[in-house]
Amino acid sequence: MTVADRSQQELWVCHLGTVAYRDALAIQEHIRTRRQADELPDTLLLLEHPPVYTRGRRSGAEDLPLGEDLYRAKGIDVLATDRGGRLTYHGPGQLVGYPIMAIDDVHRYLRTMEDAIVAALAEEGITARSRHEEGIDYTGVWVQDRKIASIGVHVSRGIATHGFAVNVENDLDPFSWVIACGLPEVRMTSIAAERKRADPRAADYDSAALGATGADCLTRLACMRRRMAFRFCEAHGRRQRLVSPQRLGIDTTNAARRAAERAPIRTISSPPAQPVLA
């Protein structure tokens, strides 16, 4: 089967574990280059990040009202990136997905991504929705008036990078220390918070109650990762194929050294591209 055939039928999914944000940028650039050269089919990376605030192209200094030094003193890095949208937070317990895909309609791609997240959350017993019709800053997925997932992408030569972040069981406090998503009054939530809201006496996690099976679903994050991979592939009409980092040409053994060697990211120069909101 050729790469073109695989891109029509399969979507490769790779679980990367915890990856520093700088390393994730380099990995995406590597896969995007190979995707643009038709050396790889469309690919979805699933991972977590250490604590970091990322600033999209529409983010300004006002989104970090306490100053970058204070956030770094709290152990949270601050990085600028080439995705569209405003500022958001990533941290342990949050599921991050980076699809590196060929797309021809950005808005349809965003709505498909929202639909996949909504479907995965429904399996967790959470009723969520898109609010994109309310304006650019409302892109993402919401539970009533609470935001549970953020989306921001970047398109270069027809290939999209960046993607989505679903709050699963991460600390929500760091969102309250900034102007998240460009919305001063935004209330962030998570799967853990919504389950607690629904039943304060509920156990932290019960995979049997959610209908989950298998050794890959022993934690809430692992369960949501499995659900999200399936629903994302389903939304795009693709068959999921799990692949290793090595199959994608990703060297995971020297990530810390590479991160130390790279200069802090402040501005990013890239080919003519289309940033899209978060």
C-alpha atoms as a PDB file:
ATOM      1  CA  MET A   1       0.000   0.000   0.000  1.00  0.00           C
ATOM      2  CA  THR A   2       1.390   3.416  -0.982  1.00  0.00           C
ATOM      3  CA  VAL A   3       1.515   6.400   1.380  1.00  0.00           C
ATOM      4  CA  ALA A   4      -1.273   8.021  -0.650  1.00  0.00           C
ATOM      5  CA  ASP A   5      -3.448   4.935  -0.187  1.00  0.00           C
ATOM      6  CA  ARG A   6      -2.731   4.868   3.549  1.00  0.00           C
ATOM      7  CA  SER A   7      -3.675   8.541   3.872  1.00  0.00           C
ATOM      8  CA  GLN A   8      -7.068   7.731   2.374  1.00  0.00           C
ATOM      9  CA  GLN A   9      -7.694   4.647   4.524  1.00  0.00           C
ATOM     10  CA  GLU A  10      -5.556   4.823   7.679  1.00  0.00           C
ATOM     11  CA  LEU A  11      -4.691   7.350  10.320  1.00  0.00           C
ATOM     12  CA  TRP A  12      -1.532   6.503  12.228  1.00  0.00           C
ATOM     13  CA  VAL A  13      -1.763   7.026  15.992  1.00  0.00           C
ATOM     14  CA  CYS A  14       1.304   7.270  18.217  1.00  0.00           C
ATOM     15  CA  HIS A  15       1.323   7.484  22.033  1.00  0.00           C
ATOM     16  CA  LEU A  16       4.326   9.506  23.197  1.00  0.00           C
ATOM     17  CA  GLY A  17       3.801   9.793  26.959  1.00  0.00           C
ATOM     18  CA  THR A  18       5.113  13.010  28.544  1.00  0.00           C
ATOM     19  CA  VAL A  19       6.999  15.278  26.138  1.00  0.00           C
ATOM     20  CA  ALA A  20       8.486  18.741  26.749  1.00  0.00           C
ATOM     21  CA  TYR A  21       6.722  21.360  24.646  1.00  0.00           C
ATOM     22  CA  ARG A  22       9.878  22.319  22.756  1.00  0.00           C
ATOM     23  CA  ASP A  23      10.444  18.681  21.842  1.00  0.00           C
ATOM     24  CA  ALA A  24       6.831  18.353  20.704  1.00  0.00           C
ATOM     25  CA  LEU A  25       7.326  21.293  18.340  1.00  0.00           C
ATOM     26  CA  ALA A  26      10.420  19.662  16.848  1.00  0.00           C
ATOM     27  CA  ILE A  27       8.613  16.329  16.484  1.00  0.00           C
ATOM     28  CA  GLN A  28       5.698  17.994  14.700  1.00  0.00           C
ATOM     29  CA  GLU A  29       8.044  19.817  12.335  1.00  0.00           C
ATOM     30  CA  HIS A  30       9.803  16.529  11.551  1.00  0.00           C
ATOM     31  CA  ILE A  31       6.556  14.702  10.803  1.00  0.00           C
ATOM     32  CA  ARG A  32       5.097  17.643   8.875  1.00  0.00           C
ATOM     33  CA  THR A  33       8.148  17.719   6.597  1.00  0.00           C
ATOM     34  CA  ARG A  34       7.836  13.984   5.931  1.00  0.00           C
ATOM     35  CA  ARG A  35       4.074  14.311   5.415  1.00  0.00           C
ATOM     36  CA  GLN A  36       4.576  17.133   2.906  1.00  0.00           C
ATOM     37  CA  ALA A  37       7.023  14.866   1.056  1.00  0.00           C
ATOM     38  CA  ASP A  38       4.445  12.011   1.122  1.00  0.00           C
ATOM     39  CA  GLU A  39       6.821   9.875   3.177  1.00  0.00           C
ATOM     40  CA  LEU A  40       4.219   9.400   5.943  1.00  0.00           C
ATOM     41  CA  PRO A  41       0.432   9.232   6.019  1.00  0.00           C
ATOM     42  CA  ASP A  42      -1.720  11.456   8.230  1.00  0.00           C
ATOM     43  CA  THR A  43      -0.675  10.976  11.852  1.00  0.00           C
ATOM     44  CA  LEU A  44      -2.096  11.725  15.305  1.00  0.00           C
ATOM     45  CA  LEU A  45       0.287  12.170  18.242  1.00  0.00           C
ATOM     46  CA  LEU A  46      -1.179  11.753  21.737  1.00  0.00           C
ATOM     47  CA  LEU A  47       0.807  12.980  24.735  1.00  0.00           C
ATOM     48  CA  GLU A  48       1.068  15.081  27.892  1.00  0.00           C
ATOM     49  CA  HIS A  49       3.200  18.151  28.579  1.00  0.00           C
ATOM     50  CA  PRO A  50       5.002  19.335  31.710  1.00  0.00           C
ATOM     51  CA  PRO A  51       3.476  22.632  32.962  1.00  0.00           C
ATOM     52  CA  VAL A  52       3.657  25.318  30.256  1.00  0.00           C
ATOM     53  CA  TYR A  53       1.727  28.349  29.037  1.00  0.00           C
ATOM     54  CA  THR A  54       1.719  28.601  25.251  1.00  0.00           C
ATOM     55  CA  ARG A  55       1.005  31.839  23.450  1.00  0.00           C
ATOM     56  CA  GLY A  56      -0.739  31.704  20.094  1.00  0.00           C
ATOM     57  CA  ARG A  57      -0.384  34.363  17.413  1.00  0.00           C
ATOM     58  CA  ARG A  58      -3.259  36.448  18.802  1.00  0.00           C
ATOM     59  CA  SER A  59      -1.918  36.388  22.358  1.00  0.00           C
ATOM     60  CA  GLY A  60      -0.633  39.597  23.962  1.00  0.00           C
ATOM     61  CA  ALA A  61       1.167  40.613  27.167  1.00  0.00           C
ATOM     62  CA  GLU A  62      -2.211  41.251  28.800  1.00  0.00           C
ATOM     63  CA  ASP A  63      -2.867  37.507  28.805  1.00  0.00           C
ATOM     64  CA  LEU A  64      -0.078  37.073  31.399  1.00  0.00           C
ATOM     65  CA  PRO A  65      -1.059  39.693  34.007  1.00  0.00           C
ATOM     66  CA  LEU A  66       1.347  38.458  36.709  1.00  0.00           C
ATOM     67  CA  GLY A  67       4.444  38.576  34.491  1.00  0.00           C
ATOM     68  CA  GLU A  68       6.426  35.708  32.997  1.00  0.00           C
ATOM     69  CA  ASP A  69       8.976  35.590  35.844  1.00  0.00           C
ATOM     70  CA  LEU A  70       6.294  34.807  38.414  1.00  0.00           C
ATOM     71  CA  TYR A  71       4.878  31.964  36.335  1.00  0.00           C
ATOM     72  CA  ARG A  72       8.324  30.485  35.857  1.00  0.00           C
ATOM     73  CA  ALA A  73       8.891  30.748  39.615  1.00  0.00           C
ATOM     74  CA  LYS A  74       5.793  28.574  39.972  1.00  0.00           C
ATOM     75  CA  GLY A  75       7.433  26.006  37.691  1.00  0.00           C
ATOM     76  CA  ILE A  76       5.431  26.878  34.577  1.00  0.00           C
ATOM     77  CA  ASP A  77       7.344  27.665  31.398  1.00  0.00           C
ATOM     78  CA  VAL A  78       6.073  30.351  28.986  1.00  0.00           C
ATOM     79  CA  LEU A  79       6.574  29.847  25.247  1.00  0.00           C
ATOM     80  CA  ALA A  80       5.408  31.514  22.058  1.00  0.00           C
ATOM     81  CA  THR A  81       4.255  29.268  19.239  1.00  0.00           C
ATOM     82  CA  ASP A  82       3.028  29.506  15.660  1.00  0.00           C
ATOM     83  CA  ARG A  83      -0.474  28.145  16.189  1.00  0.00           C
ATOM     84  CA  GLY A  84      -3.488  30.398  15.943  1.00  0.00           C
ATOM     85  CA  GLY A  85      -5.452  31.631  18.918  1.00  0.00           C
ATOM     86  CA  ARG A  86      -4.589  33.046  22.309  1.00  0.00           C
ATOM     87  CA  LEU A  87      -2.931  31.751  25.458  1.00  0.00           C
ATOM     88  CA  THR A  88      -3.601  28.363  27.017  1.00  0.00           C
ATOM     89  CA  TYR A  89      -2.113  26.064  29.641  1.00  0.00           C
ATOM     90  CA  HIS A  90      -0.823  22.504  29.317  1.00  0.00           C
ATOM     91  CA  GLY A  91       0.095  20.258  32.221  1.00  0.00           C
ATOM     92  CA  PRO A  92       0.160  16.704  33.558  1.00  0.00           C
ATOM     93  CA  GLY A  93      -3.220  14.991  33.413  1.00  0.00           C
ATOM     94  CA  GLN A  94      -4.300  16.834  30.275  1.00  0.00           C
ATOM     95  CA  LEU A  95      -4.605  14.889  27.013  1.00  0.00           C
ATOM     96  CA  VAL A  96      -2.940  16.710  24.114  1.00  0.00           C
ATOM     97  CA  GLY A  97      -3.477  15.634  20.521  1.00  0.00           C
ATOM     98  CA  TYR A  98      -1.392  16.810  17.586  1.00  0.00           C
ATOM     99  CA  PRO A  99      -2.798  15.646  14.238  1.00  0.00           C
ATOM    100  CA  ILE A 100      -0.366  16.187  11.367  1.00  0.00           C
ATOM    101  CA  MET A 101      -2.752  15.942   8.438  1.00  0.00           C
ATOM    102  CA  ALA A 102      -3.404  17.120   4.918  1.00  0.00           C
ATOM    103  CA  ILE A 103      -6.504  19.327   4.960  1.00  0.00           C
ATOM    104  CA  ASP A 104      -8.353  21.399   2.368  1.00  0.00           C
ATOM    105  CA  ASP A 105     -10.964  23.172   4.512  1.00  0.00           C
ATOM    106  CA  VAL A 106      -9.777  24.627   7.815  1.00  0.00           C
ATOM    107  CA  HIS A 107     -13.202  25.360   9.253  1.00  0.00           C
ATOM    108  CA  ARG A 108     -14.544  21.901   8.439  1.00  0.00           C
ATOM    109  CA  TYR A 109     -11.396  20.443  10.025  1.00  0.00           C
ATOM    110  CA  LEU A 110     -11.990  22.413  13.249  1.00  0.00           C
ATOM    111  CA  ARG A 111     -15.637  21.384  13.428  1.00  0.00           C
ATOM    112  CA  THR A 112     -14.688  17.730  12.840  1.00  0.00           C
ATOM    113  CA  MET A 113     -12.172  17.965  15.664  1.00  0.00           C
ATOM    114  CA  GLU A 114     -14.800  19.433  17.976  1.00  0.00           C
ATOM    115  CA  ASP A 115     -17.257  16.687  16.990  1.00  0.00           C
ATOM    116  CA  ALA A 116     -14.699  13.982  17.815  1.00  0.00           C
ATOM    117  CA  ILE A 117     -14.033  15.469  21.261  1.00  0.00           C
ATOM    118  CA  VAL A 118     -17.766  15.781  21.957  1.00  0.00           C
ATOM    119  CA  ALA A 119     -18.255  12.113  21.003  1.00  0.00           C
ATOM    120  CA  ALA A 120     -15.372  10.962  23.221  1.00  0.00           C
ATOM    121  CA  LEU A 121     -16.717  12.983  26.166  1.00  0.00           C
ATOM    122  CA  ALA A 122     -20.171  11.466  25.658  1.00  0.00           C
ATOM    123  CA  GLU A 123     -18.603   8.052  26.319  1.00  0.00           C
ATOM    124  CA  GLU A 124     -17.399   9.490  29.631  1.00  0.00           C
ATOM    125  CA  GLY A 125     -20.985  10.463  30.459  1.00  0.00           C
ATOM    126  CA  ILE A 126     -20.355  14.169  29.787  1.00  0.00           C
ATOM    127  CA  THR A 127     -22.640  16.187  27.511  1.00  0.00           C
ATOM    128  CA  ALA A 128     -20.529  18.779  25.695  1.00  0.00           C
ATOM    129  CA  ARG A 129     -20.927  21.094  22.708  1.00  0.00           C
ATOM    130  CA  SER A 130     -19.245  23.447  20.285  1.00  0.00           C
ATOM    131  CA  ARG A 131     -19.757  27.215  20.614  1.00  0.00           C
ATOM    132  CA  HIS A 132     -17.905  28.300  17.483  1.00  0.00           C
ATOM    133  CA  GLU A 133     -20.929  30.240  16.237  1.00  0.00           C
ATOM    134  CA  GLU A 134     -20.461  32.674  19.168  1.00  0.00           C
ATOM    135  CA  GLY A 135     -17.125  33.935  17.862  1.00  0.00           C
ATOM    136  CA  ILE A 136     -13.484  33.133  17.278  1.00  0.00           C
ATOM    137  CA  ASP A 137     -12.567  32.965  20.985  1.00  0.00           C
ATOM    138  CA  TYR A 138     -15.219  30.296  21.624  1.00  0.00           C
ATOM    139  CA  THR A 139     -13.649  27.663  19.406  1.00  0.00           C
ATOM    140  CA  GLY A 140     -13.217  24.473  21.422  1.00  0.00           C
ATOM    141  CA  VAL A 141     -15.549  22.256  23.414  1.00  0.00           C
ATOM    142  CA  TRP A 142     -17.711  23.328  26.326  1.00  0.00           C
ATOM    143  CA  VAL A 143     -19.833  21.770  29.070  1.00  0.00           C
ATOM    144  CA  GLN A 144     -22.595  24.337  29.452  1.00  0.00           C
ATOM    145  CA  ASP A 145     -20.568  27.536  30.069  1.00  0.00           C
ATOM    146  CA  ARG A 146     -17.394  25.725  31.177  1.00  0.00           C
ATOM    147  CA  LYS A 147     -14.569  25.063  28.728  1.00  0.00           C
ATOM    148  CA  ILE A 148     -13.177  21.522  28.767  1.00  0.00           C
ATOM    149  CA  ALA A 149     -11.124  21.417  25.551  1.00  0.00           C
ATOM    150  CA  SER A 150      -9.075  23.953  23.590  1.00  0.00           C
ATOM    151  CA  ILE A 151      -8.208  23.859  19.890  1.00  0.00           C
ATOM    152  CA  GLY A 152      -5.572  25.712  17.888  1.00  0.00           C
ATOM    153  CA  VAL A 153      -3.930  24.733  14.620  1.00  0.00           C
ATOM    154  CA  HIS A 154      -1.368  25.934  12.097  1.00  0.00           C
ATOM    155  CA  VAL A 155      -1.478  25.127   8.390  1.00  0.00           C
ATOM    156  CA  SER A 156       1.607  25.145   6.163  1.00  0.00           C
ATOM    157  CA  ARG A 157       1.558  23.970   2.526  1.00  0.00           C
ATOM    158  CA  GLY A 158      -1.706  22.129   3.128  1.00  0.00           C
ATOM    159  CA  ILE A 159      -0.542  20.254   6.237  1.00  0.00           C
ATOM    160  CA  ALA A 160      -2.038  21.046   9.660  1.00  0.00           C
ATOM    161  CA  THR A 161      -0.088  20.831  12.928  1.00  0.00           C
ATOM    162  CA  HIS A 162      -0.911  21.537  16.588  1.00  0.00           C
ATOM    163  CA  GLY A 163      -4.435  20.448  17.529  1.00  0.00           C
ATOM    164  CA  PHE A 164      -6.415  19.942  20.735  1.00  0.00           C
ATOM    165  CA  ALA A 165      -6.046  19.707  24.507  1.00  0.00           C
ATOM    166  CA  VAL A 166      -8.702  18.000  26.638  1.00  0.00           C
ATOM    167  CA  ASN A 167      -8.697  18.609  30.382  1.00  0.00           C
ATOM    168  CA  VAL A 168      -8.932  15.153  31.927  1.00  0.00           C
ATOM    169  CA  GLU A 169      -7.601  15.206  35.493  1.00  0.00           C
ATOM    170  CA  ASN A 170      -5.160  18.114  35.412  1.00  0.00           C
ATOM    171  CA  ASP A 171      -4.850  20.970  37.917  1.00  0.00           C
ATOM    172  CA  LEU A 172      -7.176  23.773  36.769  1.00  0.00           C
ATOM    173  CA  ASP A 173      -5.705  26.519  38.979  1.00  0.00           C
ATOM    174  CA  PRO A 174      -3.050  27.643  36.430  1.00  0.00           C
ATOM    175  CA  PHE A 175      -5.860  28.699  34.076  1.00  0.00           C
ATOM    176  CA  SER A 176      -7.077  31.171  36.716  1.00  0.00           C
ATOM    177  CA  TRP A 177      -3.684  32.915  36.904  1.00  0.00           C
ATOM    178  CA  VAL A 178      -3.871  34.108  33.279  1.00  0.00           C
ATOM    179  CA  ILE A 179      -6.411  35.306  30.719  1.00  0.00           C
ATOM    180  CA  ALA A 180      -7.031  31.888  29.228  1.00  0.00           C
ATOM    181  CA  CYS A 181      -8.264  31.715  25.636  1.00  0.00           C
ATOM    182  CA  GLY A 182      -8.630  35.511  25.570  1.00  0.00           C
ATOM    183  CA  LEU A 183     -11.750  35.251  27.765  1.00  0.00           C
ATOM    184  CA  PRO A 184     -11.345  37.062  31.131  1.00  0.00           C
ATOM    185  CA  GLU A 185     -14.385  35.343  32.639  1.00  0.00           C
ATOM    186  CA  VAL A 186     -13.780  31.860  31.239  1.00  0.00           C
ATOM    187  CA  ARG A 187     -14.365  28.947  33.601  1.00  0.00           C
ATOM    188  CA  MET A 188     -12.304  25.873  32.826  1.00  0.00           C
ATOM    189  CA  THR A 189     -13.374  22.374  33.746  1.00  0.00           C
ATOM    190  CA  SER A 190     -12.168  18.796  33.339  1.00  0.00           C
ATOM    191  CA  ILE A 191     -13.531  15.285  33.140  1.00  0.00           C
ATOM    192  CA  ALA A 192     -12.587  14.754  36.788  1.00  0.00           C
ATOM    193  CA  ALA A 193     -14.299  17.991  37.842  1.00  0.00           C
ATOM    194  CA  GLU A 194     -17.463  17.190  35.898  1.00  0.00           C
ATOM    195  CA  ARG A 195     -17.722  13.704  37.359  1.00  0.00           C
ATOM    196  CA  LYS A 196     -17.270  15.153  40.822  1.00  0.00           C
ATOM    197  CA  ARG A 197     -19.901  17.767  40.061  1.00  0.00           C
ATOM    198  CA  ALA A 198     -22.331  15.066  38.947  1.00  0.00           C
ATOM    199  CA  ASP A 199     -21.713  12.915  42.042  1.00  0.00           C
ATOM    200  CA  PRO A 200     -19.529  14.316  44.860  1.00  0.00           C
ATOM    201  CA  ARG A 201     -19.442  10.829  46.445  1.00  0.00           C
ATOM    202  CA  ALA A 202     -18.184   9.111  43.280  1.00  0.00           C
ATOM    203  CA  ALA A 203     -14.861   7.308  43.328  1.00  0.00           C
ATOM    204  CA  ASP A 204     -12.040   9.068  41.515  1.00  0.00           C
ATOM    205  CA  TYR A 205     -12.178   6.522  38.716  1.00  0.00           C
ATOM    206  CA  ASP A 206     -14.213   3.443  37.920  1.00  0.00           C
ATOM    207  CA  SER A 207     -13.483   2.050  34.474  1.00  0.00           C
ATOM    208  CA  ALA A 208     -16.158  -0.616  34.838  1.00  0.00           C
ATOM    209  CA  ALA A 209     -18.813   2.039  35.427  1.00  0.00           C
ATOM    210  CA  LEU A 210     -17.761   3.722  32.192  1.00  0.00           C
ATOM    211  CA  GLY A 211     -17.923   0.509  30.211  1.00  0.00           C
ATOM    212  CA  ALA A 212     -14.166   0.505  29.659  1.00  0.00           C
ATOM    213  CA  THR A 213     -12.231  -2.690  29.243  1.00  0.00           C
ATOM    214  CA  GLY A 214      -8.627  -3.666  28.750  1.00  0.00           C
ATOM    215  CA  ALA A 215      -5.313  -2.947  30.396  1.00  0.00           C
ATOM    216  CA  ASP A 216      -5.019   0.327  28.446  1.00  0.00           C
ATOM    217  CA  CYS A 217      -7.897   1.832  30.434  1.00  0.00           C
ATOM    218  CA  LEU A 218      -6.686   1.610  34.030  1.00  0.00           C
ATOM    219  CA  THR A 219      -6.633   5.382  34.530  1.00  0.00           C
ATOM    220  CA  ARG A 220      -8.947   8.164  33.451  1.00  0.00           C
ATOM    221  CA  LEU A 221      -6.288   9.653  31.166  1.00  0.00           C
ATOM    222  CA  ALA A 222      -5.513   6.314  29.492  1.00  0.00           C
ATOM    223  CA  CYS A 223      -9.207   5.706  28.975  1.00  0.00           C
ATOM    224  CA  MET A 224      -9.777   9.111  27.411  1.00  0.00           C
ATOM    225  CA  ARG A 225      -6.703   8.643  25.212  1.00  0.00           C
ATOM    226  CA  ARG A 226      -8.180   5.414  23.857  1.00  0.00           C
ATOM    227  CA  ARG A 227     -11.608   6.981  23.329  1.00  0.00           C
ATOM    228  CA  MET A 228     -10.183  10.093  21.676  1.00  0.00           C
ATOM    229  CA  ALA A 229      -8.031   8.137  19.231  1.00  0.00           C
ATOM    230  CA  PHE A 230     -11.004   6.040  18.160  1.00  0.00           C
ATOM    231  CA  ARG A 231     -13.407   8.974  17.818  1.00  0.00           C
ATOM    232  CA  PHE A 232     -10.911  11.149  15.967  1.00  0.00           C
ATOM    233  CA  CYS A 233     -10.266   8.424  13.405  1.00  0.00           C
ATOM    234  CA  GLU A 234     -13.977   7.711  13.141  1.00  0.00           C
ATOM    235  CA  ALA A 235     -14.798  11.392  12.553  1.00  0.00           C
ATOM    236  CA  HIS A 236     -12.363  11.417   9.628  1.00  0.00           C
ATOM    237  CA  GLY A 237     -13.577   8.102   8.250  1.00  0.00           C
ATOM    238  CA  ARG A 238     -10.220   6.432   8.797  1.00  0.00           C
ATOM    239  CA  ARG A 239      -9.023   3.148  10.215  1.00  0.00           C
ATOM    240  CA  GLN A 240      -6.779   3.577  13.245  1.00  0.00           C
ATOM    241  CA  ARG A 241      -3.293   2.100  13.101  1.00  0.00           C
ATOM    242  CA  LEU A 242      -1.138   2.269  16.231  1.00  0.00           C
ATOM    243  CA  VAL A 243       2.536   2.919  15.476  1.00  0.00           C
ATOM    244  CA  SER A 244       5.652   3.347  17.599  1.00  0.00           C
ATOM    245  CA  PRO A 245       7.697   6.570  17.787  1.00  0.00           C
ATOM    246  CA  GLN A 246      10.502   4.716  16.030  1.00  0.00           C
ATOM    247  CA  ARG A 247       8.188   3.941  13.090  1.00  0.00           C
ATOM    248  CA  LEU A 248       7.776   7.716  12.675  1.00  0.00           C
ATOM    249  CA  GLY A 249      11.494   8.350  12.945  1.00  0.00           C
ATOM    250  CA  ILE A 250      11.180   9.927  16.412  1.00  0.00           C
ATOM    251  CA  ASP A 251      14.170   9.492  18.720  1.00  0.00           C
ATOM    252  CA  THR A 252      12.803   9.593  22.265  1.00  0.00           C
ATOM    253  CA  THR A 253      16.091   8.757  24.001  1.00  0.00           C
ATOM    254  CA  ASN A 254      17.764  12.165  23.741  1.00  0.00           C
ATOM    255  CA  ALA A 255      14.784  14.466  24.227  1.00  0.00           C
ATOM    256  CA  ALA A 256      16.171  16.207  27.308  1.00  0.00           C
ATOM    257  CA  ARG A 257      19.512  16.911  25.612  1.00  0.00           C
ATOM    258  CA  ARG A 258      17.820  18.279  22.501  1.00  0.00           C
ATOM    259  CA  ALA A 259      15.559  20.527  24.577  1.00  0.00           C
ATOM    260  CA  ALA A 260      18.581  21.960  26.403  1.00  0.00           C
ATOM    261  CA  GLU A 261      20.415  22.607  23.142  1.00  0.00           C
ATOM    262  CA  ARG A 262      17.579  24.523  21.551  1.00  0.00           C
ATOM    263  CA  ALA A 263      17.203  28.224  22.327  1.00  0.00           C
ATOM    264  CA  PRO A 264      13.965  29.351  24.036  1.00  0.00           C
ATOM    265  CA  ILE A 265      11.234  29.898  21.471  1.00  0.00           C
ATOM    266  CA  ARG A 266      10.123  33.512  21.201  1.00  0.00           C
ATOM    267  CA  THR A 267       9.328  33.960  17.532  1.00  0.00           C
ATOM    268  CA  ILE A 268       8.970  31.302  14.874  1.00  0.00           C
ATOM    269  CA  SER A 269       9.828  31.758  11.229  1.00  0.00           C
ATOM    270  CA  SER A 270       7.947  29.392   8.970  1.00  0.00           C
ATOM    271  CA  PRO A 271       6.818  29.051   5.350  1.00  0.00           C
ATOM    272  CA  PRO A 272       3.703  31.036   4.354  1.00  0.00           C
ATOM    273  CA  ALA A 273       0.993  29.522   6.467  1.00  0.00           C
ATOM    274  CA  GLN A 274      -2.432  29.993   7.912  1.00  0.00           C
ATOM    275  CA  PRO A 275      -2.694  30.220  11.696  1.00  0.00           C
ATOM    276  CA  VAL A 276      -6.067  29.205  13.055  1.00  0.00           C
ATOM    277  CA  LEU A 277      -7.731  30.091  16.314  1.00  0.00           C
ATOM    278  CA  ALA A 278      -7.664  28.305  19.656  1.00  0.00           C
END
